[in-house]
Protein backbone atom coordinates (compact mmCIF):
# COMPACT_ATOMS: atom_id res chain seq x y z
CA UNK A 1 0.00 0.00 0.00
CA UNK A 2 1.33 3.42 -0.93
CA UNK A 3 2.08 5.43 2.18
CA UNK A 4 2.53 8.90 0.74
CA UNK A 5 0.46 11.74 2.16
CA UNK A 6 -0.87 9.64 5.05
CA UNK A 7 -3.80 11.22 6.88
CA UNK A 8 -3.30 8.89 9.84
CA UNK A 9 -0.05 7.19 10.80
CA UNK A 10 0.19 4.66 13.62
CA UNK A 11 3.76 4.01 14.80
CA UNK A 12 4.51 1.12 17.18
CA UNK A 13 1.26 1.76 19.07
CA UNK A 14 0.91 -0.11 22.35
CA UNK A 15 -2.30 -0.08 24.40
CA UNK A 16 -2.98 -1.67 27.77
CA UNK A 17 -6.01 -2.43 29.91
CA UNK A 18 -4.35 -2.26 33.29
CA UNK A 19 -1.29 -4.48 33.04
CA UNK A 20 -2.72 -6.49 30.14
CA UNK A 21 -1.40 -5.51 26.69
CA UNK A 22 -4.24 -5.41 24.13
CA UNK A 23 -2.32 -3.89 21.20
CA UNK A 24 1.41 -4.44 20.77
CA UNK A 25 3.65 -2.32 18.57
CA UNK A 26 0.98 -1.73 15.93
CA UNK A 27 1.99 0.26 12.84
CA UNK A 28 -0.02 1.18 9.75
CA UNK A 29 -0.97 4.21 7.65
CA UNK A 30 -4.17 5.50 6.08
CA UNK A 31 -4.26 7.83 3.13
CA UNK A 32 -6.84 10.55 2.70
CA UNK A 33 -10.02 9.34 1.01
CA UNK A 34 -9.49 5.65 1.74
CA UNK A 35 -11.82 3.19 3.46
CA UNK A 36 -9.65 0.85 5.52
CA UNK A 37 -10.93 -2.23 7.35
CA UNK A 38 -9.47 -3.65 10.54
CA UNK A 39 -10.45 -7.31 10.73
CA UNK A 40 -9.86 -10.28 12.98
CA UNK A 41 -11.48 -12.46 15.57
CA UNK A 42 -13.01 -11.21 18.82
CA UNK A 43 -10.32 -9.98 21.18
CA UNK A 44 -7.81 -9.28 18.43
CA UNK A 45 -7.47 -5.58 19.33
CA UNK A 46 -9.67 -3.91 16.73
CA UNK A 47 -11.92 -1.91 19.05
CA UNK A 48 -8.96 -1.13 21.30
CA UNK A 49 -7.11 0.38 18.33
CA UNK A 50 -10.01 2.73 17.59
CA UNK A 51 -10.15 3.73 21.26
CA UNK A 52 -6.44 4.50 21.16
CA UNK A 53 -6.79 6.68 18.07
CA UNK A 54 -9.71 8.68 19.48
CA UNK A 55 -8.03 9.24 22.85
CA UNK A 56 -10.49 7.19 24.90
CA UNK A 57 -7.67 4.82 25.84
CA UNK A 58 -4.36 6.70 26.17
CA UNK A 59 -1.46 4.87 24.49
CA UNK A 60 1.18 3.33 26.73
CA UNK A 61 3.70 3.44 23.88
CA UNK A 62 4.16 4.55 20.30
CA UNK A 63 2.56 7.40 18.37
CA UNK A 64 -0.68 8.34 16.67
CA UNK A 65 0.00 10.97 13.99
CA UNK A 66 -2.91 12.81 12.39
CA UNK A 67 -2.06 15.12 9.49
CA UNK A 68 1.54 14.81 10.64
CA UNK A 69 0.87 15.91 14.23
CA UNK A 70 1.33 13.64 17.24
CA UNK A 71 -2.08 13.38 18.92
CA UNK A 72 -1.14 10.54 21.30
CA UNK A 73 -1.53 12.70 24.40
CA UNK A 74 -4.52 14.79 23.28
CA UNK A 75 -7.92 14.54 24.99
CA UNK A 76 -10.86 12.96 23.12
CA UNK A 77 -12.52 16.40 22.95
CA UNK A 78 -9.47 17.94 21.29
CA UNK A 79 -9.17 15.02 18.87
CA UNK A 80 -12.77 15.60 17.72
CA UNK A 81 -11.92 19.25 17.16
CA UNK A 82 -8.94 18.21 15.05
CA UNK A 83 -11.16 16.19 12.72
CA UNK A 84 -11.63 12.64 14.03
CA UNK A 85 -15.11 11.33 14.92
CA UNK A 86 -15.66 7.96 16.58
CA UNK A 87 -18.87 5.91 16.35
CA UNK A 88 -18.34 3.37 19.14
CA UNK A 89 -19.66 -0.15 19.34
CA UNK A 90 -23.09 0.06 20.98
CA UNK A 91 -23.97 3.38 19.26
CA UNK A 92 -24.15 5.60 22.38
CA UNK A 93 -26.89 7.95 21.22
CA UNK A 94 -28.75 10.19 23.70
CA UNK A 95 -32.01 8.28 24.29
CA UNK A 96 -33.83 11.17 25.96
CA UNK A 97 -33.08 13.62 23.15
CA UNK A 98 -34.90 13.75 19.83
CA UNK A 99 -33.23 12.81 16.57
CA UNK A 100 -32.75 16.49 15.73
CA UNK A 101 -31.34 17.22 19.18
CA UNK A 102 -28.91 14.30 18.86
CA UNK A 103 -27.69 15.69 15.54
CA UNK A 104 -27.23 19.15 17.04
CA UNK A 105 -25.18 17.62 19.86
CA UNK A 106 -22.90 16.16 17.20
CA UNK A 107 -22.22 19.70 16.00
CA UNK A 108 -21.25 21.04 19.44
CA UNK A 109 -17.79 22.13 18.25
CA UNK A 110 -19.29 24.22 15.42
CA UNK A 111 -20.81 27.71 15.41
CA UNK A 112 -21.91 27.99 11.77
CA UNK A 113 -25.66 27.81 12.34
CA UNK A 114 -26.60 27.80 8.67
CA UNK A 115 -24.08 25.07 7.92
CA UNK A 116 -25.38 23.00 10.83
CA UNK A 117 -28.94 23.33 9.53
CA UNK A 118 -27.86 22.29 6.04
CA UNK A 119 -25.93 19.28 7.35
CA UNK A 120 -28.90 18.13 9.43
CA UNK A 121 -30.99 18.17 6.25
CA UNK A 122 -28.21 16.39 4.36
CA UNK A 123 -27.94 13.51 6.80
CA UNK A 124 -31.70 13.16 7.19
CA UNK A 125 -31.73 12.72 3.42
CA UNK A 126 -28.92 10.15 3.66
CA UNK A 127 -30.97 8.22 6.25
CA UNK A 128 -34.65 8.61 5.29
CA UNK A 129 -35.76 6.60 8.35
CA UNK A 130 -34.44 9.41 10.52
CA UNK A 131 -36.29 12.03 8.50
CA UNK A 132 -39.53 10.20 9.25
CA UNK A 133 -38.74 10.14 12.99
CA UNK A 134 -36.79 13.36 13.43
CA UNK A 135 -38.96 14.66 16.29
CA UNK A 136 -38.99 11.37 18.19
CA UNK A 137 -36.71 10.45 21.07
CA UNK A 138 -33.59 8.45 20.31
CA UNK A 139 -34.57 5.76 22.79
CA UNK A 140 -37.71 4.94 20.78
CA UNK A 141 -35.77 4.16 17.59
CA UNK A 142 -35.02 0.65 16.36
CA UNK A 143 -31.47 -0.67 16.61
CA UNK A 144 -30.86 0.09 12.94
CA UNK A 145 -32.23 3.62 13.26
CA UNK A 146 -30.06 4.22 16.32
CA UNK A 147 -27.01 3.12 14.34
CA UNK A 148 -27.96 5.51 11.52
CA UNK A 149 -28.35 8.28 14.09
CA UNK A 150 -24.97 7.51 15.67
CA UNK A 151 -23.26 7.75 12.28
CA UNK A 152 -25.12 10.92 11.31
CA UNK A 153 -24.32 12.54 14.67
CA UNK A 154 -20.62 11.78 14.23
CA UNK A 155 -20.69 13.31 10.76
CA UNK A 156 -22.16 16.53 12.14
CA UNK A 157 -18.69 17.35 13.51
CA UNK A 158 -17.48 17.44 9.88
CA UNK A 159 -14.71 14.87 10.43
CA UNK A 160 -11.81 14.23 8.10
CA UNK A 161 -11.54 10.72 9.58
CA UNK A 162 -14.52 8.64 10.72
CA UNK A 163 -13.91 5.66 13.03
CA UNK A 164 -16.72 3.10 12.76
CA UNK A 165 -16.88 0.25 15.26
CA UNK A 166 -19.14 -2.69 14.31
CA UNK A 167 -21.88 -0.70 12.53
CA UNK A 168 -23.79 -3.87 11.53
CA UNK A 169 -23.84 -5.54 14.96
CA UNK A 170 -27.23 -7.05 15.76
CA UNK A 171 -28.94 -5.65 12.67
CA UNK A 172 -31.10 -7.40 10.08
CA UNK A 173 -29.50 -8.03 6.65
CA UNK A 174 -31.62 -5.40 4.86
CA UNK A 175 -30.66 -2.77 7.42
CA UNK A 176 -27.00 -3.78 7.12
CA UNK A 177 -27.16 -3.19 3.37
CA UNK A 178 -28.65 0.26 3.98
CA UNK A 179 -25.93 1.12 6.51
CA UNK A 180 -23.16 0.03 4.14
CA UNK A 181 -24.75 1.91 1.25
CA UNK A 182 -24.51 5.02 3.43
CA UNK A 183 -20.87 4.24 4.30
CA UNK A 184 -20.08 4.09 0.59
CA UNK A 185 -21.86 7.41 0.04
CA UNK A 186 -19.94 9.00 2.93
CA UNK A 187 -16.68 7.77 1.42
CA UNK A 188 -17.67 9.21 -1.95
CA UNK A 189 -18.04 12.59 -0.24
CA UNK A 190 -14.33 12.43 0.65
CA UNK A 191 -14.46 11.33 4.28
CA UNK A 192 -11.70 8.87 5.18
CA UNK A 193 -13.04 5.86 7.10
CA UNK A 194 -11.41 3.33 9.43
CA UNK A 195 -13.88 0.48 9.78
CA UNK A 196 -14.04 -2.34 12.33
CA UNK A 197 -16.62 -4.90 11.24
CA UNK A 198 -17.22 -8.61 11.88
CA UNK A 199 -19.21 -8.94 8.64
CA UNK A 200 -16.09 -9.16 6.50
CA UNK A 201 -17.95 -9.62 3.25
CA UNK A 202 -19.70 -6.26 3.69
CA UNK A 203 -16.58 -4.59 5.08
CA UNK A 204 -14.42 -5.58 2.12
CA UNK A 205 -17.17 -4.58 -0.33
CA UNK A 206 -16.68 -0.91 0.63
CA UNK A 207 -12.96 -0.97 1.52
CA UNK A 208 -9.84 -0.14 -0.45
CA UNK A 209 -7.45 -1.98 1.86
CA UNK A 210 -7.54 -4.11 4.97
CA UNK A 211 -5.45 -5.24 7.90
CA UNK A 212 -6.01 -8.47 9.81
CA UNK A 213 -5.20 -8.37 13.53
CA UNK A 214 -4.45 -11.21 15.90
CA UNK A 215 -3.67 -10.60 19.57
CA UNK A 216 -3.02 -6.93 18.89
CA UNK A 217 -0.66 -7.38 15.96
CA UNK A 218 -1.07 -7.26 12.17
CA UNK A 219 -0.78 -10.77 10.73
CA UNK A 220 -1.95 -10.02 7.17
CA UNK A 221 -2.81 -7.09 4.95
CA UNK A 222 -3.79 -6.40 1.37
CA UNK A 223 -6.28 -4.80 -0.96
CA UNK A 224 -9.92 -5.71 -0.50
CA UNK A 225 -9.73 -8.00 -3.53
CA UNK A 226 -6.59 -9.72 -2.28
CA UNK A 227 -8.10 -10.44 1.12
CA UNK A 228 -11.43 -11.50 -0.35
CA UNK A 229 -9.73 -14.04 -2.61
CA UNK A 230 -7.25 -15.46 -0.08
CA UNK A 231 -8.95 -18.60 1.20
CA UNK A 232 -6.38 -19.21 3.92
CA UNK A 233 -6.85 -15.74 5.39
CA UNK A 234 -10.63 -16.05 5.20
CA UNK A 235 -10.72 -19.43 6.87
CA UNK A 236 -8.24 -18.69 9.63
CA UNK A 237 -8.83 -15.02 10.46
CA UNK A 238 -11.91 -13.61 8.79
CA UNK A 239 -14.45 -16.20 9.81
CA UNK A 240 -17.87 -16.41 8.21
CA UNK A 241 -18.26 -13.90 5.41
CA UNK A 242 -21.83 -14.77 4.56
CA UNK A 243 -24.82 -12.65 5.50
C-alpha atoms as a PDB file:
ATOM      1  CA  UNK A   1       0.000   0.000   0.000  1.00  0.00           C
ATOM      2  CA  UNK A   2       1.331   3.419  -0.935  1.00  0.00           C
ATOM      3  CA  UNK A   3       2.082   5.427   2.181  1.00  0.00           C
ATOM      4  CA  UNK A   4       2.527   8.897   0.736  1.00  0.00           C
ATOM      5  CA  UNK A   5       0.457  11.738   2.165  1.00  0.00           C
ATOM      6  CA  UNK A   6      -0.871   9.640   5.048  1.00  0.00           C
ATOM      7  CA  UNK A   7      -3.799  11.220   6.881  1.00  0.00           C
ATOM      8  CA  UNK A   8      -3.295   8.894   9.842  1.00  0.00           C
ATOM      9  CA  UNK A   9      -0.051   7.188  10.801  1.00  0.00           C
ATOM     10  CA  UNK A  10       0.193   4.661  13.624  1.00  0.00           C
ATOM     11  CA  UNK A  11       3.763   4.014  14.799  1.00  0.00           C
ATOM     12  CA  UNK A  12       4.506   1.123  17.183  1.00  0.00           C
ATOM     13  CA  UNK A  13       1.261   1.765  19.066  1.00  0.00           C
ATOM     14  CA  UNK A  14       0.908  -0.110  22.346  1.00  0.00           C
ATOM     15  CA  UNK A  15      -2.297  -0.080  24.401  1.00  0.00           C
ATOM     16  CA  UNK A  16      -2.979  -1.666  27.775  1.00  0.00           C
ATOM     17  CA  UNK A  17      -6.011  -2.428  29.906  1.00  0.00           C
ATOM     18  CA  UNK A  18      -4.348  -2.264  33.294  1.00  0.00           C
ATOM     19  CA  UNK A  19      -1.286  -4.477  33.043  1.00  0.00           C
ATOM     20  CA  UNK A  20      -2.717  -6.485  30.143  1.00  0.00           C
ATOM     21  CA  UNK A  21      -1.402  -5.514  26.687  1.00  0.00           C
ATOM     22  CA  UNK A  22      -4.237  -5.408  24.128  1.00  0.00           C
ATOM     23  CA  UNK A  23      -2.317  -3.885  21.198  1.00  0.00           C
ATOM     24  CA  UNK A  24       1.411  -4.439  20.766  1.00  0.00           C
ATOM     25  CA  UNK A  25       3.647  -2.322  18.571  1.00  0.00           C
ATOM     26  CA  UNK A  26       0.979  -1.735  15.934  1.00  0.00           C
ATOM     27  CA  UNK A  27       1.994   0.257  12.836  1.00  0.00           C
ATOM     28  CA  UNK A  28      -0.021   1.182   9.750  1.00  0.00           C
ATOM     29  CA  UNK A  29      -0.966   4.207   7.648  1.00  0.00           C
ATOM     30  CA  UNK A  30      -4.170   5.502   6.083  1.00  0.00           C
ATOM     31  CA  UNK A  31      -4.256   7.827   3.126  1.00  0.00           C
ATOM     32  CA  UNK A  32      -6.837  10.546   2.702  1.00  0.00           C
ATOM     33  CA  UNK A  33     -10.016   9.343   1.009  1.00  0.00           C
ATOM     34  CA  UNK A  34      -9.494   5.646   1.745  1.00  0.00           C
ATOM     35  CA  UNK A  35     -11.818   3.190   3.459  1.00  0.00           C
ATOM     36  CA  UNK A  36      -9.650   0.849   5.523  1.00  0.00           C
ATOM     37  CA  UNK A  37     -10.927  -2.235   7.347  1.00  0.00           C
ATOM     38  CA  UNK A  38      -9.468  -3.649  10.538  1.00  0.00           C
ATOM     39  CA  UNK A  39     -10.447  -7.309  10.731  1.00  0.00           C
ATOM     40  CA  UNK A  40      -9.855 -10.276  12.975  1.00  0.00           C
ATOM     41  CA  UNK A  41     -11.485 -12.462  15.569  1.00  0.00           C
ATOM     42  CA  UNK A  42     -13.005 -11.213  18.825  1.00  0.00           C
ATOM     43  CA  UNK A  43     -10.322  -9.980  21.184  1.00  0.00           C
ATOM     44  CA  UNK A  44      -7.814  -9.276  18.428  1.00  0.00           C
ATOM     45  CA  UNK A  45      -7.469  -5.581  19.327  1.00  0.00           C
ATOM     46  CA  UNK A  46      -9.671  -3.906  16.726  1.00  0.00           C
ATOM     47  CA  UNK A  47     -11.916  -1.908  19.048  1.00  0.00           C
ATOM     48  CA  UNK A  48      -8.960  -1.129  21.304  1.00  0.00           C
ATOM     49  CA  UNK A  49      -7.111   0.384  18.330  1.00  0.00           C
ATOM     50  CA  UNK A  50     -10.009   2.735  17.593  1.00  0.00           C
ATOM     51  CA  UNK A  51     -10.154   3.727  21.263  1.00  0.00           C
ATOM     52  CA  UNK A  52      -6.442   4.502  21.163  1.00  0.00           C
ATOM     53  CA  UNK A  53      -6.787   6.684  18.072  1.00  0.00           C
ATOM     54  CA  UNK A  54      -9.714   8.683  19.476  1.00  0.00           C
ATOM     55  CA  UNK A  55      -8.033   9.239  22.847  1.00  0.00           C
ATOM     56  CA  UNK A  56     -10.492   7.195  24.904  1.00  0.00           C
ATOM     57  CA  UNK A  57      -7.667   4.818  25.845  1.00  0.00           C
ATOM     58  CA  UNK A  58      -4.360   6.697  26.171  1.00  0.00           C
ATOM     59  CA  UNK A  59      -1.462   4.866  24.488  1.00  0.00           C
ATOM     60  CA  UNK A  60       1.184   3.335  26.725  1.00  0.00           C
ATOM     61  CA  UNK A  61       3.698   3.444  23.880  1.00  0.00           C
ATOM     62  CA  UNK A  62       4.164   4.554  20.303  1.00  0.00           C
ATOM     63  CA  UNK A  63       2.558   7.399  18.375  1.00  0.00           C
ATOM     64  CA  UNK A  64      -0.680   8.339  16.666  1.00  0.00           C
ATOM     65  CA  UNK A  65       0.001  10.966  13.995  1.00  0.00           C
ATOM     66  CA  UNK A  66      -2.914  12.806  12.389  1.00  0.00           C
ATOM     67  CA  UNK A  67      -2.055  15.115   9.489  1.00  0.00           C
ATOM     68  CA  UNK A  68       1.542  14.813  10.638  1.00  0.00           C
ATOM     69  CA  UNK A  69       0.870  15.911  14.227  1.00  0.00           C
ATOM     70  CA  UNK A  70       1.330  13.638  17.236  1.00  0.00           C
ATOM     71  CA  UNK A  71      -2.082  13.378  18.923  1.00  0.00           C
ATOM     72  CA  UNK A  72      -1.139  10.544  21.296  1.00  0.00           C
ATOM     73  CA  UNK A  73      -1.534  12.700  24.401  1.00  0.00           C
ATOM     74  CA  UNK A  74      -4.515  14.790  23.283  1.00  0.00           C
ATOM     75  CA  UNK A  75      -7.921  14.543  24.987  1.00  0.00           C
ATOM     76  CA  UNK A  76     -10.865  12.965  23.117  1.00  0.00           C
ATOM     77  CA  UNK A  77     -12.525  16.404  22.948  1.00  0.00           C
ATOM     78  CA  UNK A  78      -9.465  17.937  21.288  1.00  0.00           C
ATOM     79  CA  UNK A  79      -9.174  15.019  18.869  1.00  0.00           C
ATOM     80  CA  UNK A  80     -12.766  15.595  17.724  1.00  0.00           C
ATOM     81  CA  UNK A  81     -11.922  19.251  17.156  1.00  0.00           C
ATOM     82  CA  UNK A  82      -8.937  18.211  15.050  1.00  0.00           C
ATOM     83  CA  UNK A  83     -11.159  16.188  12.724  1.00  0.00           C
ATOM     84  CA  UNK A  84     -11.631  12.636  14.031  1.00  0.00           C
ATOM     85  CA  UNK A  85     -15.112  11.330  14.918  1.00  0.00           C
ATOM     86  CA  UNK A  86     -15.664   7.957  16.582  1.00  0.00           C
ATOM     87  CA  UNK A  87     -18.872   5.905  16.346  1.00  0.00           C
ATOM     88  CA  UNK A  88     -18.342   3.366  19.138  1.00  0.00           C
ATOM     89  CA  UNK A  89     -19.656  -0.155  19.340  1.00  0.00           C
ATOM     90  CA  UNK A  90     -23.085   0.063  20.975  1.00  0.00           C
ATOM     91  CA  UNK A  91     -23.969   3.383  19.265  1.00  0.00           C
ATOM     92  CA  UNK A  92     -24.151   5.604  22.383  1.00  0.00           C
ATOM     93  CA  UNK A  93     -26.886   7.949  21.222  1.00  0.00           C
ATOM     94  CA  UNK A  94     -28.748  10.189  23.703  1.00  0.00           C
ATOM     95  CA  UNK A  95     -32.011   8.282  24.287  1.00  0.00           C
ATOM     96  CA  UNK A  96     -33.835  11.168  25.962  1.00  0.00           C
ATOM     97  CA  UNK A  97     -33.077  13.621  23.148  1.00  0.00           C
ATOM     98  CA  UNK A  98     -34.900  13.748  19.831  1.00  0.00           C
ATOM     99  CA  UNK A  99     -33.225  12.805  16.568  1.00  0.00           C
ATOM    100  CA  UNK A 100     -32.749  16.493  15.733  1.00  0.00           C
ATOM    101  CA  UNK A 101     -31.339  17.225  19.184  1.00  0.00           C
ATOM    102  CA  UNK A 102     -28.915  14.305  18.864  1.00  0.00           C
ATOM    103  CA  UNK A 103     -27.686  15.693  15.542  1.00  0.00           C
ATOM    104  CA  UNK A 104     -27.234  19.149  17.042  1.00  0.00           C
ATOM    105  CA  UNK A 105     -25.185  17.615  19.858  1.00  0.00           C
ATOM    106  CA  UNK A 106     -22.899  16.161  17.198  1.00  0.00           C
ATOM    107  CA  UNK A 107     -22.216  19.704  15.998  1.00  0.00           C
ATOM    108  CA  UNK A 108     -21.249  21.042  19.436  1.00  0.00           C
ATOM    109  CA  UNK A 109     -17.793  22.130  18.245  1.00  0.00           C
ATOM    110  CA  UNK A 110     -19.286  24.224  15.422  1.00  0.00           C
ATOM    111  CA  UNK A 111     -20.810  27.709  15.413  1.00  0.00           C
ATOM    112  CA  UNK A 112     -21.915  27.985  11.771  1.00  0.00           C
ATOM    113  CA  UNK A 113     -25.656  27.807  12.340  1.00  0.00           C
ATOM    114  CA  UNK A 114     -26.604  27.800   8.675  1.00  0.00           C
ATOM    115  CA  UNK A 115     -24.079  25.067   7.921  1.00  0.00           C
ATOM    116  CA  UNK A 116     -25.384  22.997  10.833  1.00  0.00           C
ATOM    117  CA  UNK A 117     -28.942  23.329   9.531  1.00  0.00           C
ATOM    118  CA  UNK A 118     -27.864  22.289   6.038  1.00  0.00           C
ATOM    119  CA  UNK A 119     -25.926  19.283   7.349  1.00  0.00           C
ATOM    120  CA  UNK A 120     -28.901  18.127   9.427  1.00  0.00           C
ATOM    121  CA  UNK A 121     -30.993  18.168   6.249  1.00  0.00           C
ATOM    122  CA  UNK A 122     -28.205  16.391   4.355  1.00  0.00           C
ATOM    123  CA  UNK A 123     -27.939  13.507   6.798  1.00  0.00           C
ATOM    124  CA  UNK A 124     -31.699  13.156   7.195  1.00  0.00           C
ATOM    125  CA  UNK A 125     -31.733  12.724   3.422  1.00  0.00           C
ATOM    126  CA  UNK A 126     -28.924  10.153   3.660  1.00  0.00           C
ATOM    127  CA  UNK A 127     -30.967   8.222   6.247  1.00  0.00           C
ATOM    128  CA  UNK A 128     -34.654   8.609   5.289  1.00  0.00           C
ATOM    129  CA  UNK A 129     -35.760   6.603   8.347  1.00  0.00           C
ATOM    130  CA  UNK A 130     -34.436   9.407  10.518  1.00  0.00           C
ATOM    131  CA  UNK A 131     -36.294  12.026   8.496  1.00  0.00           C
ATOM    132  CA  UNK A 132     -39.529  10.203   9.254  1.00  0.00           C
ATOM    133  CA  UNK A 133     -38.737  10.143  12.987  1.00  0.00           C
ATOM    134  CA  UNK A 134     -36.787  13.361  13.429  1.00  0.00           C
ATOM    135  CA  UNK A 135     -38.957  14.660  16.286  1.00  0.00           C
ATOM    136  CA  UNK A 136     -38.995  11.374  18.189  1.00  0.00           C
ATOM    137  CA  UNK A 137     -36.710  10.448  21.072  1.00  0.00           C
ATOM    138  CA  UNK A 138     -33.591   8.452  20.308  1.00  0.00           C
ATOM    139  CA  UNK A 139     -34.569   5.764  22.787  1.00  0.00           C
ATOM    140  CA  UNK A 140     -37.712   4.939  20.776  1.00  0.00           C
ATOM    141  CA  UNK A 141     -35.766   4.163  17.586  1.00  0.00           C
ATOM    142  CA  UNK A 142     -35.021   0.652  16.361  1.00  0.00           C
ATOM    143  CA  UNK A 143     -31.470  -0.672  16.611  1.00  0.00           C
ATOM    144  CA  UNK A 144     -30.859   0.094  12.938  1.00  0.00           C
ATOM    145  CA  UNK A 145     -32.225   3.616  13.265  1.00  0.00           C
ATOM    146  CA  UNK A 146     -30.059   4.221  16.322  1.00  0.00           C
ATOM    147  CA  UNK A 147     -27.010   3.117  14.335  1.00  0.00           C
ATOM    148  CA  UNK A 148     -27.956   5.508  11.521  1.00  0.00           C
ATOM    149  CA  UNK A 149     -28.349   8.284  14.086  1.00  0.00           C
ATOM    150  CA  UNK A 150     -24.971   7.508  15.672  1.00  0.00           C
ATOM    151  CA  UNK A 151     -23.255   7.748  12.282  1.00  0.00           C
ATOM    152  CA  UNK A 152     -25.117  10.923  11.313  1.00  0.00           C
ATOM    153  CA  UNK A 153     -24.323  12.538  14.669  1.00  0.00           C
ATOM    154  CA  UNK A 154     -20.617  11.781  14.229  1.00  0.00           C
ATOM    155  CA  UNK A 155     -20.694  13.310  10.757  1.00  0.00           C
ATOM    156  CA  UNK A 156     -22.165  16.527  12.144  1.00  0.00           C
ATOM    157  CA  UNK A 157     -18.688  17.345  13.507  1.00  0.00           C
ATOM    158  CA  UNK A 158     -17.478  17.438   9.877  1.00  0.00           C
ATOM    159  CA  UNK A 159     -14.705  14.875  10.430  1.00  0.00           C
ATOM    160  CA  UNK A 160     -11.808  14.232   8.104  1.00  0.00           C
ATOM    161  CA  UNK A 161     -11.537  10.720   9.577  1.00  0.00           C
ATOM    162  CA  UNK A 162     -14.517   8.638  10.718  1.00  0.00           C
ATOM    163  CA  UNK A 163     -13.907   5.664  13.026  1.00  0.00           C
ATOM    164  CA  UNK A 164     -16.724   3.104  12.762  1.00  0.00           C
ATOM    165  CA  UNK A 165     -16.875   0.248  15.258  1.00  0.00           C
ATOM    166  CA  UNK A 166     -19.139  -2.694  14.315  1.00  0.00           C
ATOM    167  CA  UNK A 167     -21.878  -0.705  12.525  1.00  0.00           C
ATOM    168  CA  UNK A 168     -23.786  -3.870  11.531  1.00  0.00           C
ATOM    169  CA  UNK A 169     -23.841  -5.536  14.956  1.00  0.00           C
ATOM    170  CA  UNK A 170     -27.227  -7.049  15.756  1.00  0.00           C
ATOM    171  CA  UNK A 171     -28.939  -5.650  12.668  1.00  0.00           C
ATOM    172  CA  UNK A 172     -31.103  -7.399  10.082  1.00  0.00           C
ATOM    173  CA  UNK A 173     -29.503  -8.026   6.646  1.00  0.00           C
ATOM    174  CA  UNK A 174     -31.624  -5.402   4.857  1.00  0.00           C
ATOM    175  CA  UNK A 175     -30.661  -2.768   7.423  1.00  0.00           C
ATOM    176  CA  UNK A 176     -27.000  -3.777   7.123  1.00  0.00           C
ATOM    177  CA  UNK A 177     -27.158  -3.187   3.365  1.00  0.00           C
ATOM    178  CA  UNK A 178     -28.646   0.256   3.985  1.00  0.00           C
ATOM    179  CA  UNK A 179     -25.926   1.122   6.509  1.00  0.00           C
ATOM    180  CA  UNK A 180     -23.163   0.033   4.140  1.00  0.00           C
ATOM    181  CA  UNK A 181     -24.748   1.910   1.251  1.00  0.00           C
ATOM    182  CA  UNK A 182     -24.508   5.016   3.432  1.00  0.00           C
ATOM    183  CA  UNK A 183     -20.870   4.239   4.295  1.00  0.00           C
ATOM    184  CA  UNK A 184     -20.079   4.092   0.591  1.00  0.00           C
ATOM    185  CA  UNK A 185     -21.858   7.411   0.038  1.00  0.00           C
ATOM    186  CA  UNK A 186     -19.935   8.999   2.926  1.00  0.00           C
ATOM    187  CA  UNK A 187     -16.676   7.775   1.417  1.00  0.00           C
ATOM    188  CA  UNK A 188     -17.670   9.211  -1.954  1.00  0.00           C
ATOM    189  CA  UNK A 189     -18.040  12.591  -0.239  1.00  0.00           C
ATOM    190  CA  UNK A 190     -14.328  12.428   0.646  1.00  0.00           C
ATOM    191  CA  UNK A 191     -14.459  11.328   4.281  1.00  0.00           C
ATOM    192  CA  UNK A 192     -11.699   8.868   5.183  1.00  0.00           C
ATOM    193  CA  UNK A 193     -13.043   5.856   7.099  1.00  0.00           C
ATOM    194  CA  UNK A 194     -11.409   3.327   9.425  1.00  0.00           C
ATOM    195  CA  UNK A 195     -13.880   0.475   9.782  1.00  0.00           C
ATOM    196  CA  UNK A 196     -14.042  -2.341  12.325  1.00  0.00           C
ATOM    197  CA  UNK A 197     -16.615  -4.899  11.239  1.00  0.00           C
ATOM    198  CA  UNK A 198     -17.218  -8.605  11.881  1.00  0.00           C
ATOM    199  CA  UNK A 199     -19.208  -8.943   8.643  1.00  0.00           C
ATOM    200  CA  UNK A 200     -16.093  -9.161   6.503  1.00  0.00           C
ATOM    201  CA  UNK A 201     -17.954  -9.624   3.247  1.00  0.00           C
ATOM    202  CA  UNK A 202     -19.701  -6.265   3.688  1.00  0.00           C
ATOM    203  CA  UNK A 203     -16.579  -4.585   5.078  1.00  0.00           C
ATOM    204  CA  UNK A 204     -14.421  -5.584   2.121  1.00  0.00           C
ATOM    205  CA  UNK A 205     -17.173  -4.576  -0.327  1.00  0.00           C
ATOM    206  CA  UNK A 206     -16.678  -0.913   0.633  1.00  0.00           C
ATOM    207  CA  UNK A 207     -12.957  -0.969   1.519  1.00  0.00           C
ATOM    208  CA  UNK A 208      -9.837  -0.139  -0.451  1.00  0.00           C
ATOM    209  CA  UNK A 209      -7.453  -1.975   1.857  1.00  0.00           C
ATOM    210  CA  UNK A 210      -7.537  -4.107   4.967  1.00  0.00           C
ATOM    211  CA  UNK A 211      -5.448  -5.242   7.901  1.00  0.00           C
ATOM    212  CA  UNK A 212      -6.013  -8.468   9.809  1.00  0.00           C
ATOM    213  CA  UNK A 213      -5.198  -8.370  13.525  1.00  0.00           C
ATOM    214  CA  UNK A 214      -4.449 -11.209  15.898  1.00  0.00           C
ATOM    215  CA  UNK A 215      -3.674 -10.595  19.574  1.00  0.00           C
ATOM    216  CA  UNK A 216      -3.020  -6.931  18.892  1.00  0.00           C
ATOM    217  CA  UNK A 217      -0.658  -7.384  15.956  1.00  0.00           C
ATOM    218  CA  UNK A 218      -1.067  -7.263  12.172  1.00  0.00           C
ATOM    219  CA  UNK A 219      -0.775 -10.767  10.731  1.00  0.00           C
ATOM    220  CA  UNK A 220      -1.952 -10.024   7.174  1.00  0.00           C
ATOM    221  CA  UNK A 221      -2.809  -7.090   4.948  1.00  0.00           C
ATOM    222  CA  UNK A 222      -3.793  -6.397   1.370  1.00  0.00           C
ATOM    223  CA  UNK A 223      -6.277  -4.801  -0.956  1.00  0.00           C
ATOM    224  CA  UNK A 224      -9.917  -5.709  -0.502  1.00  0.00           C
ATOM    225  CA  UNK A 225      -9.730  -7.997  -3.533  1.00  0.00           C
ATOM    226  CA  UNK A 226      -6.592  -9.723  -2.277  1.00  0.00           C
ATOM    227  CA  UNK A 227      -8.100 -10.443   1.125  1.00  0.00           C
ATOM    228  CA  UNK A 228     -11.432 -11.504  -0.353  1.00  0.00           C
ATOM    229  CA  UNK A 229      -9.731 -14.039  -2.606  1.00  0.00           C
ATOM    230  CA  UNK A 230      -7.251 -15.464  -0.084  1.00  0.00           C
ATOM    231  CA  UNK A 231      -8.954 -18.604   1.197  1.00  0.00           C
ATOM    232  CA  UNK A 232      -6.378 -19.213   3.918  1.00  0.00           C
ATOM    233  CA  UNK A 233      -6.848 -15.745   5.395  1.00  0.00           C
ATOM    234  CA  UNK A 234     -10.629 -16.047   5.196  1.00  0.00           C
ATOM    235  CA  UNK A 235     -10.724 -19.430   6.866  1.00  0.00           C
ATOM    236  CA  UNK A 236      -8.241 -18.687   9.633  1.00  0.00           C
ATOM    237  CA  UNK A 237      -8.825 -15.025  10.464  1.00  0.00           C
ATOM    238  CA  UNK A 238     -11.910 -13.605   8.793  1.00  0.00           C
ATOM    239  CA  UNK A 239     -14.455 -16.200   9.810  1.00  0.00           C
ATOM    240  CA  UNK A 240     -17.872 -16.412   8.215  1.00  0.00           C
ATOM    241  CA  UNK A 241     -18.259 -13.900   5.406  1.00  0.00           C
ATOM    242  CA  UNK A 242     -21.834 -14.767   4.565  1.00  0.00           C
ATOM    243  CA  UNK A 243     -24.818 -12.647   5.502  1.00  0.00           C
END
